[in-house]
């Protein structure tokens, strides 16, 4: 159940990151949420390290990488709109 809740939160963060948080002229503004998300996931992994399976570790790695990709994509889209 926790994994499902984290997945839903991750999807919402990815969508917000792609379309809302990167709509700034400053590149670093869009990076605040991915850094906080990475810190939160790192905390969860450290606290629950003994209970995680390989599948959950893989999902955590993917959940860390995707916000940074969305950050870059959203920033590039915003830059193209301004040009």
PDB file of N, CA and C in Angstrom:
ATOM      1  N   UNK A   1       0.819  -1.193   0.000  1.00  0.00           N
ATOM      2  CA  UNK A   1       0.000   0.000   0.000  1.00  0.00           C
ATOM      3  C   UNK A   1       0.863   1.258   0.000  1.00  0.00           C
ATOM      4  N   UNK A   2       1.936   1.244   0.785  1.00  0.00           N
ATOM      5  CA  UNK A   2       2.824   2.411   0.817  1.00  0.00           C
ATOM      6  C   UNK A   2       3.437   2.664  -0.548  1.00  0.00           C
ATOM      7  N   UNK A   3       3.788   1.608  -1.237  1.00  0.00           N
ATOM      8  CA  UNK A   3       4.388   1.749  -2.555  1.00  0.00           C
ATOM      9  C   UNK A   3       3.405   2.386  -3.534  1.00  0.00           C
ATOM     10  N   UNK A   4       2.143   2.040  -3.432  1.00  0.00           N
ATOM     11  CA  UNK A   4       1.113   2.630  -4.281  1.00  0.00           C
ATOM     12  C   UNK A   4       0.946   4.121  -3.977  1.00  0.00           C
ATOM     13  N   UNK A   5       0.927   4.477  -2.723  1.00  0.00           N
ATOM     14  CA  UNK A   5       0.798   5.879  -2.328  1.00  0.00           C
ATOM     15  C   UNK A   5       2.000   6.681  -2.815  1.00  0.00           C
ATOM     16  N   UNK A   6       3.200   6.132  -2.638  1.00  0.00           N
ATOM     17  CA  UNK A   6       4.404   6.819  -3.128  1.00  0.00           C
ATOM     18  C   UNK A   6       4.388   6.948  -4.645  1.00  0.00           C
ATOM     19  N   UNK A   7       3.853   5.954  -5.327  1.00  0.00           N
ATOM     20  CA  UNK A   7       3.755   6.019  -6.784  1.00  0.00           C
ATOM     21  C   UNK A   7       2.823   7.125  -7.240  1.00  0.00           C
ATOM     22  N   UNK A   8       1.702   7.257  -6.578  1.00  0.00           N
ATOM     23  CA  UNK A   8       0.755   8.321  -6.920  1.00  0.00           C
ATOM     24  C   UNK A   8       1.380   9.689  -6.645  1.00  0.00           C
ATOM     25  N   UNK A   9       2.048   9.839  -5.507  1.00  0.00           N
ATOM     26  CA  UNK A   9       2.734  11.101  -5.182  1.00  0.00           C
ATOM     27  C   UNK A   9       3.806  11.399  -6.221  1.00  0.00           C
ATOM     28  N   UNK A  10       4.537  10.377  -6.621  1.00  0.00           N
ATOM     29  CA  UNK A  10       5.597  10.568  -7.620  1.00  0.00           C
ATOM     30  C   UNK A  10       5.019  11.033  -8.950  1.00  0.00           C
ATOM     31  N   UNK A  11       3.932  10.447  -9.385  1.00  0.00           N
ATOM     32  CA  UNK A  11       3.318  10.845 -10.653  1.00  0.00           C
ATOM     33  C   UNK A  11       2.853  12.295 -10.588  1.00  0.00           C
ATOM     34  N   UNK A  12       2.253  12.687  -9.481  1.00  0.00           N
ATOM     35  CA  UNK A  12       1.819  14.079  -9.322  1.00  0.00           C
ATOM     36  C   UNK A  12       3.022  15.013  -9.354  1.00  0.00           C
ATOM     37  N   UNK A  13       4.092  14.647  -8.677  1.00  0.00           N
ATOM     38  CA  UNK A  13       5.303  15.474  -8.682  1.00  0.00           C
ATOM     39  C   UNK A  13       5.879  15.567 -10.087  1.00  0.00           C
ATOM     40  N   UNK A  14       5.903  14.471 -10.825  1.00  0.00           N
ATOM     41  CA  UNK A  14       6.447  14.494 -12.182  1.00  0.00           C
ATOM     42  C   UNK A  14       5.646  15.431 -13.077  1.00  0.00           C
ATOM     43  N   UNK A  15       4.329  15.370 -12.976  1.00  0.00           N
ATOM     44  CA  UNK A  15       3.478  16.232 -13.806  1.00  0.00           C
ATOM     45  C   UNK A  15       3.659  17.698 -13.416  1.00  0.00           C
ATOM     46  N   UNK A  16       3.656  17.973 -12.110  1.00  0.00           N
ATOM     47  CA  UNK A  16       3.872  19.353 -11.667  1.00  0.00           C
ATOM     48  C   UNK A  16       5.241  19.863 -12.087  1.00  0.00           C
ATOM     49  N   UNK A  17       6.239  19.011 -11.998  1.00  0.00           N
ATOM     50  CA  UNK A  17       7.599  19.400 -12.375  1.00  0.00           C
ATOM     51  C   UNK A  17       7.684  19.726 -13.855  1.00  0.00           C
ATOM     52  N   UNK A  18       7.052  18.908 -14.653  1.00  0.00           N
ATOM     53  CA  UNK A  18       7.126  19.076 -16.107  1.00  0.00           C
ATOM     54  C   UNK A  18       6.433  20.353 -16.567  1.00  0.00           C
ATOM     55  N   UNK A  19       5.283  20.676 -15.994  1.00  0.00           N
ATOM     56  CA  UNK A  19       4.472  21.765 -16.527  1.00  0.00           C
ATOM     57  C   UNK A  19       4.401  23.023 -15.654  1.00  0.00           C
ATOM     58  N   UNK A  20       4.669  22.923 -14.368  1.00  0.00           N
ATOM     59  CA  UNK A  20       4.481  24.078 -13.496  1.00  0.00           C
ATOM     60  C   UNK A  20       5.785  24.617 -12.925  1.00  0.00           C
ATOM     61  N   UNK A  21       6.563  23.762 -12.294  1.00  0.00           N
ATOM     62  CA  UNK A  21       7.746  24.234 -11.585  1.00  0.00           C
ATOM     63  C   UNK A  21       8.857  24.719 -12.512  1.00  0.00           C
ATOM     64  N   UNK A  22       8.882  24.242 -13.732  1.00  0.00           N
ATOM     65  CA  UNK A  22       9.941  24.646 -14.657  1.00  0.00           C
ATOM     66  C   UNK A  22       9.554  25.861 -15.491  1.00  0.00           C
ATOM     67  N   UNK A  23       8.411  26.446 -15.225  1.00  0.00           N
ATOM     68  CA  UNK A  23       7.951  27.610 -15.985  1.00  0.00           C
ATOM     69  C   UNK A  23       8.548  28.903 -15.440  1.00  0.00           C
ATOM     70  N   UNK A  24       9.757  28.839 -14.978  1.00  0.00           N
ATOM     71  CA  UNK A  24      10.456  30.008 -14.463  1.00  0.00           C
ATOM     72  C   UNK A  24      11.640  30.316 -15.366  1.00  0.00           C
ATOM     73  N   UNK A  25      12.045  31.549 -15.381  1.00  0.00           N
ATOM     74  CA  UNK A  25      13.217  31.893 -16.190  1.00  0.00           C
ATOM     75  C   UNK A  25      14.505  31.452 -15.513  1.00  0.00           C
ATOM     76  N   UNK A  26      14.413  31.095 -14.246  1.00  0.00           N
ATOM     77  CA  UNK A  26      15.581  30.623 -13.506  1.00  0.00           C
ATOM     78  C   UNK A  26      15.600  29.099 -13.504  1.00  0.00           C
ATOM     79  N   UNK A  27      16.718  28.532 -13.931  1.00  0.00           N
ATOM     80  CA  UNK A  27      16.847  27.080 -14.054  1.00  0.00           C
ATOM     81  C   UNK A  27      16.742  26.378 -12.704  1.00  0.00           C
ATOM     82  N   UNK A  28      17.286  26.960 -11.655  1.00  0.00           N
ATOM     83  CA  UNK A  28      17.379  26.297 -10.352  1.00  0.00           C
ATOM     84  C   UNK A  28      16.028  26.162  -9.654  1.00  0.00           C
ATOM     85  N   UNK A  29      15.049  26.983 -10.001  1.00  0.00           N
ATOM     86  CA  UNK A  29      13.748  26.921  -9.330  1.00  0.00           C
ATOM     87  C   UNK A  29      13.095  25.563  -9.534  1.00  0.00           C
ATOM     88  N   UNK A  30      13.216  25.024 -10.720  1.00  0.00           N
ATOM     89  CA  UNK A  30      12.634  23.717 -10.995  1.00  0.00           C
ATOM     90  C   UNK A  30      13.350  22.573 -10.298  1.00  0.00           C
ATOM     91  N   UNK A  31      14.535  22.823  -9.772  1.00  0.00           N
ATOM     92  CA  UNK A  31      15.300  21.775  -9.118  1.00  0.00           C
ATOM     93  C   UNK A  31      15.018  21.601  -7.649  1.00  0.00           C
ATOM     94  N   UNK A  32      14.226  22.482  -7.073  1.00  0.00           N
ATOM     95  CA  UNK A  32      13.948  22.392  -5.642  1.00  0.00           C
ATOM     96  C   UNK A  32      13.170  21.126  -5.312  1.00  0.00           C
ATOM     97  N   UNK A  33      12.120  20.859  -6.050  1.00  0.00           N
ATOM     98  CA  UNK A  33      11.285  19.684  -5.766  1.00  0.00           C
ATOM     99  C   UNK A  33      12.033  18.374  -6.008  1.00  0.00           C
ATOM    100  N   UNK A  34      12.787  18.218  -7.125  1.00  0.00           N
ATOM    101  CA  UNK A  34      13.524  16.964  -7.276  1.00  0.00           C
ATOM    102  C   UNK A  34      14.554  16.719  -6.171  1.00  0.00           C
ATOM    103  N   UNK A  35      15.191  17.760  -5.696  1.00  0.00           N
ATOM    104  CA  UNK A  35      16.171  17.585  -4.614  1.00  0.00           C
ATOM    105  C   UNK A  35      15.464  17.177  -3.326  1.00  0.00           C
ATOM    106  N   UNK A  36      14.347  17.818  -3.015  1.00  0.00           N
ATOM    107  CA  UNK A  36      13.585  17.439  -1.823  1.00  0.00           C
ATOM    108  C   UNK A  36      13.030  16.018  -1.949  1.00  0.00           C
ATOM    109  N   UNK A  37      12.557  15.656  -3.137  1.00  0.00           N
ATOM    110  CA  UNK A  37      12.042  14.308  -3.377  1.00  0.00           C
ATOM    111  C   UNK A  37      13.158  13.274  -3.206  1.00  0.00           C
ATOM    112  N   UNK A  38      14.344  13.577  -3.721  1.00  0.00           N
ATOM    113  CA  UNK A  38      15.479  12.661  -3.575  1.00  0.00           C
ATOM    114  C   UNK A  38      15.849  12.487  -2.109  1.00  0.00           C
ATOM    115  N   UNK A  39      15.859  13.573  -1.351  1.00  0.00           N
ATOM    116  CA  UNK A  39      16.168  13.486   0.079  1.00  0.00           C
ATOM    117  C   UNK A  39      15.117  12.654   0.813  1.00  0.00           C
ATOM    118  N   UNK A  40      13.853  12.849   0.466  1.00  0.00           N
ATOM    119  CA  UNK A  40      12.776  12.081   1.091  1.00  0.00           C
ATOM    120  C   UNK A  40      12.897  10.598   0.782  1.00  0.00           C
ATOM    121  N   UNK A  41      13.155  10.261  -0.485  1.00  0.00           N
ATOM    122  CA  UNK A  41      13.308   8.854  -0.854  1.00  0.00           C
ATOM    123  C   UNK A  41      14.544   8.235  -0.209  1.00  0.00           C
ATOM    124  N   UNK A  42      15.621   9.016  -0.111  1.00  0.00           N
ATOM    125  CA  UNK A  42      16.820   8.507   0.555  1.00  0.00           C
ATOM    126  C   UNK A  42      16.526   8.197   2.019  1.00  0.00           C
ATOM    127  N   UNK A  43      15.772   9.056   2.659  1.00  0.00           N
ATOM    128  CA  UNK A  43      15.377   8.813   4.047  1.00  0.00           C
ATOM    129  C   UNK A  43      14.559   7.524   4.157  1.00  0.00           C
ATOM    130  N   UNK A  44      13.585   7.350   3.271  1.00  0.00           N
ATOM    131  CA  UNK A  44      12.772   6.138   3.307  1.00  0.00           C
ATOM    132  C   UNK A  44      13.601   4.882   3.063  1.00  0.00           C
ATOM    133  N   UNK A  45      14.550   4.964   2.160  1.00  0.00           N
ATOM    134  CA  UNK A  45      15.395   3.800   1.878  1.00  0.00           C
ATOM    135  C   UNK A  45      16.263   3.468   3.090  1.00  0.00           C
ATOM    136  N   UNK A  46      16.818   4.465   3.735  1.00  0.00           N
ATOM    137  CA  UNK A  46      17.669   4.212   4.902  1.00  0.00           C
ATOM    138  C   UNK A  46      16.849   3.635   6.051  1.00  0.00           C
ATOM    139  N   UNK A  47      15.680   4.174   6.286  1.00  0.00           N
ATOM    140  CA  UNK A  47      14.845   3.702   7.394  1.00  0.00           C
ATOM    141  C   UNK A  47      14.316   2.292   7.140  1.00  0.00           C
ATOM    142  N   UNK A  48      13.948   1.996   5.893  1.00  0.00           N
ATOM    143  CA  UNK A  48      13.332   0.703   5.567  1.00  0.00           C
ATOM    144  C   UNK A  48      14.263  -0.224   4.789  1.00  0.00           C
ATOM    145  N   UNK A  49      15.542  -0.060   4.905  1.00  0.00           N
ATOM    146  CA  UNK A  49      16.491  -0.818   4.083  1.00  0.00           C
ATOM    147  C   UNK A  49      16.332  -2.329   4.248  1.00  0.00           C
ATOM    148  N   UNK A  50      16.048  -2.777   5.419  1.00  0.00           N
ATOM    149  CA  UNK A  50      15.947  -4.218   5.654  1.00  0.00           C
ATOM    150  C   UNK A  50      14.666  -4.814   5.050  1.00  0.00           C
ATOM    151  N   UNK A  51      13.671  -4.002   4.811  1.00  0.00           N
ATOM    152  CA  UNK A  51      12.382  -4.507   4.330  1.00  0.00           C
ATOM    153  C   UNK A  51      12.218  -4.429   2.821  1.00  0.00           C
ATOM    154  N   UNK A  52      13.107  -3.745   2.134  1.00  0.00           N
ATOM    155  CA  UNK A  52      12.952  -3.540   0.693  1.00  0.00           C
ATOM    156  C   UNK A  52      13.443  -4.744  -0.096  1.00  0.00           C
ATOM    157  N   UNK A  53      12.772  -4.979  -1.211  1.00  0.00           N
ATOM    158  CA  UNK A  53      13.204  -6.003  -2.151  1.00  0.00           C
ATOM    159  C   UNK A  53      13.976  -5.315  -3.278  1.00  0.00           C
ATOM    160  N   UNK A  54      14.530  -6.111  -4.156  1.00  0.00           N
ATOM    161  CA  UNK A  54      15.267  -5.558  -5.295  1.00  0.00           C
ATOM    162  C   UNK A  54      14.336  -4.732  -6.171  1.00  0.00           C
ATOM    163  N   UNK A  55      13.115  -5.180  -6.330  1.00  0.00           N
ATOM    164  CA  UNK A  55      12.132  -4.446  -7.130  1.00  0.00           C
ATOM    165  C   UNK A  55      11.886  -3.055  -6.550  1.00  0.00           C
ATOM    166  N   UNK A  56      11.755  -2.960  -5.243  1.00  0.00           N
ATOM    167  CA  UNK A  56      11.510  -1.669  -4.609  1.00  0.00           C
ATOM    168  C   UNK A  56      12.715  -0.749  -4.718  1.00  0.00           C
ATOM    169  N   UNK A  57      13.920  -1.310  -4.641  1.00  0.00           N
ATOM    170  CA  UNK A  57      15.128  -0.494  -4.853  1.00  0.00           C
ATOM    171  C   UNK A  57      15.161   0.043  -6.287  1.00  0.00           C
ATOM    172  N   UNK A  58      14.808  -0.793  -7.240  1.00  0.00           N
ATOM    173  CA  UNK A  58      14.791  -0.358  -8.644  1.00  0.00           C
ATOM    174  C   UNK A  58      13.758   0.744  -8.847  1.00  0.00           C
ATOM    175  N   UNK A  59      12.593   0.605  -8.259  1.00  0.00           N
ATOM    176  CA  UNK A  59      11.570   1.646  -8.361  1.00  0.00           C
ATOM    177  C   UNK A  59      12.022   2.939  -7.702  1.00  0.00           C
ATOM    178  N   UNK A  60      12.738   2.843  -6.603  1.00  0.00           N
ATOM    179  CA  UNK A  60      13.255   4.046  -5.942  1.00  0.00           C
ATOM    180  C   UNK A  60      14.275   4.751  -6.827  1.00  0.00           C
ATOM    181  N   UNK A  61      15.116   3.993  -7.497  1.00  0.00           N
ATOM    182  CA  UNK A  61      16.102   4.597  -8.403  1.00  0.00           C
ATOM    183  C   UNK A  61      15.403   5.298  -9.562  1.00  0.00           C
ATOM    184  N   UNK A  62      14.408   4.652 -10.113  1.00  0.00           N
ATOM    185  CA  UNK A  62      13.646   5.266 -11.206  1.00  0.00           C
ATOM    186  C   UNK A  62      12.933   6.523 -10.710  1.00  0.00           C
ATOM    187  N   UNK A  63      12.374   6.458  -9.507  1.00  0.00           N
ATOM    188  CA  UNK A  63      11.661   7.604  -8.942  1.00  0.00           C
ATOM    189  C   UNK A  63      12.598   8.769  -8.636  1.00  0.00           C
ATOM    190  N   UNK A  64      13.881   8.507  -8.507  1.00  0.00           N
ATOM    191  CA  UNK A  64      14.851   9.588  -8.310  1.00  0.00           C
ATOM    192  C   UNK A  64      15.264  10.189  -9.650  1.00  0.00           C
ATOM    193  N   UNK A  65      15.410   9.375 -10.660  1.00  0.00           N
ATOM    194  CA  UNK A  65      15.899   9.851 -11.959  1.00  0.00           C
ATOM    195  C   UNK A  65      14.842  10.652 -12.717  1.00  0.00           C
ATOM    196  N   UNK A  66      13.610  10.201 -12.715  1.00  0.00           N
ATOM    197  CA  UNK A  66      12.567  10.811 -13.543  1.00  0.00           C
ATOM    198  C   UNK A  66      12.318  12.294 -13.230  1.00  0.00           C
ATOM    199  N   UNK A  67      12.285  12.742 -11.974  1.00  0.00           N
ATOM    200  CA  UNK A  67      12.057  14.180 -11.755  1.00  0.00           C
ATOM    201  C   UNK A  67      13.143  15.067 -12.371  1.00  0.00           C
ATOM    202  N   UNK A  68      14.374  14.584 -12.388  1.00  0.00           N
ATOM    203  CA  UNK A  68      15.449  15.370 -12.994  1.00  0.00           C
ATOM    204  C   UNK A  68      15.282  15.441 -14.512  1.00  0.00           C
ATOM    205  N   UNK A  69      14.817  14.360 -15.113  1.00  0.00           N
ATOM    206  CA  UNK A  69      14.539  14.364 -16.546  1.00  0.00           C
ATOM    207  C   UNK A  69      13.380  15.317 -16.846  1.00  0.00           C
ATOM    208  N   UNK A  70      12.333  15.263 -16.038  1.00  0.00           N
ATOM    209  CA  UNK A  70      11.201  16.169 -16.219  1.00  0.00           C
ATOM    210  C   UNK A  70      11.626  17.617 -16.024  1.00  0.00           C
ATOM    211  N   UNK A  71      12.513  17.858 -15.098  1.00  0.00           N
ATOM    212  CA  UNK A  71      13.031  19.205 -14.858  1.00  0.00           C
ATOM    213  C   UNK A  71      13.726  19.733 -16.108  1.00  0.00           C
ATOM    214  N   UNK A  72      14.576  18.940 -16.693  1.00  0.00           N
ATOM    215  CA  UNK A  72      15.283  19.348 -17.901  1.00  0.00           C
ATOM    216  C   UNK A  72      14.346  19.538 -19.081  1.00  0.00           C
ATOM    217  N   UNK A  73      13.407  18.607 -19.261  1.00  0.00           N
ATOM    218  CA  UNK A  73      12.449  18.719 -20.365  1.00  0.00           C
ATOM    219  C   UNK A  73      11.564  19.949 -20.226  1.00  0.00           C
ATOM    220  N   UNK A  74      11.082  20.182 -19.025  1.00  0.00           N
ATOM    221  CA  UNK A  74      10.222  21.343 -18.798  1.00  0.00           C
ATOM    222  C   UNK A  74      10.958  22.645 -19.002  1.00  0.00           C
ATOM    223  N   UNK A  75      12.201  22.703 -18.560  1.00  0.00           N
ATOM    224  CA  UNK A  75      12.991  23.927 -18.738  1.00  0.00           C
ATOM    225  C   UNK A  75      13.265  24.176 -20.218  1.00  0.00           C
ATOM    226  N   UNK A  76      13.591  23.137 -20.971  1.00  0.00           N
ATOM    227  CA  UNK A  76      13.819  23.301 -22.406  1.00  0.00           C
ATOM    228  C   UNK A  76      12.549  23.744 -23.112  1.00  0.00           C
ATOM    229  N   UNK A  77      11.392  23.201 -22.739  1.00  0.00           N
ATOM    230  CA  UNK A  77      10.125  23.602 -23.335  1.00  0.00           C
ATOM    231  C   UNK A  77       9.850  25.077 -23.031  1.00  0.00           C
ATOM    232  N   UNK A  78      10.121  25.499 -21.808  1.00  0.00           N
ATOM    233  CA  UNK A  78       9.916  26.893 -21.429  1.00  0.00           C
ATOM    234  C   UNK A  78      10.843  27.817 -22.212  1.00  0.00           C
ATOM    235  N   UNK A  79      12.072  27.399 -22.435  1.00  0.00           N
ATOM    236  CA  UNK A  79      13.022  28.209 -23.192  1.00  0.00           C
ATOM    237  C   UNK A  79      12.593  28.329 -24.656  1.00  0.00           C
ATOM    238  N   UNK A  80      12.076  27.263 -25.243  1.00  0.00           N
ATOM    239  CA  UNK A  80      11.590  27.312 -26.621  1.00  0.00           C
ATOM    240  C   UNK A  80      10.391  28.233 -26.766  1.00  0.00           C
ATOM    241  N   UNK A  81       9.531  28.256 -25.770  1.00  0.00           N
ATOM    242  CA  UNK A  81       8.359  29.152 -25.817  1.00  0.00           C
ATOM    243  C   UNK A  81       8.781  30.618 -25.759  1.00  0.00           C
ATOM    244  N   UNK A  82       9.836  30.888 -25.008  1.00  0.00           N
ATOM    245  CA  UNK A  82      10.301  32.268 -24.888  1.00  0.00           C
ATOM    246  C   UNK A  82      11.019  32.756 -26.144  1.00  0.00           C
ATOM    247  N   UNK A  83      11.583  31.845 -26.894  1.00  0.00           N
ATOM    248  CA  UNK A  83      12.343  32.228 -28.092  1.00  0.00           C
ATOM    249  C   UNK A  83      11.450  32.609 -29.250  1.00  0.00           C
TER     250      UNK A  83
END
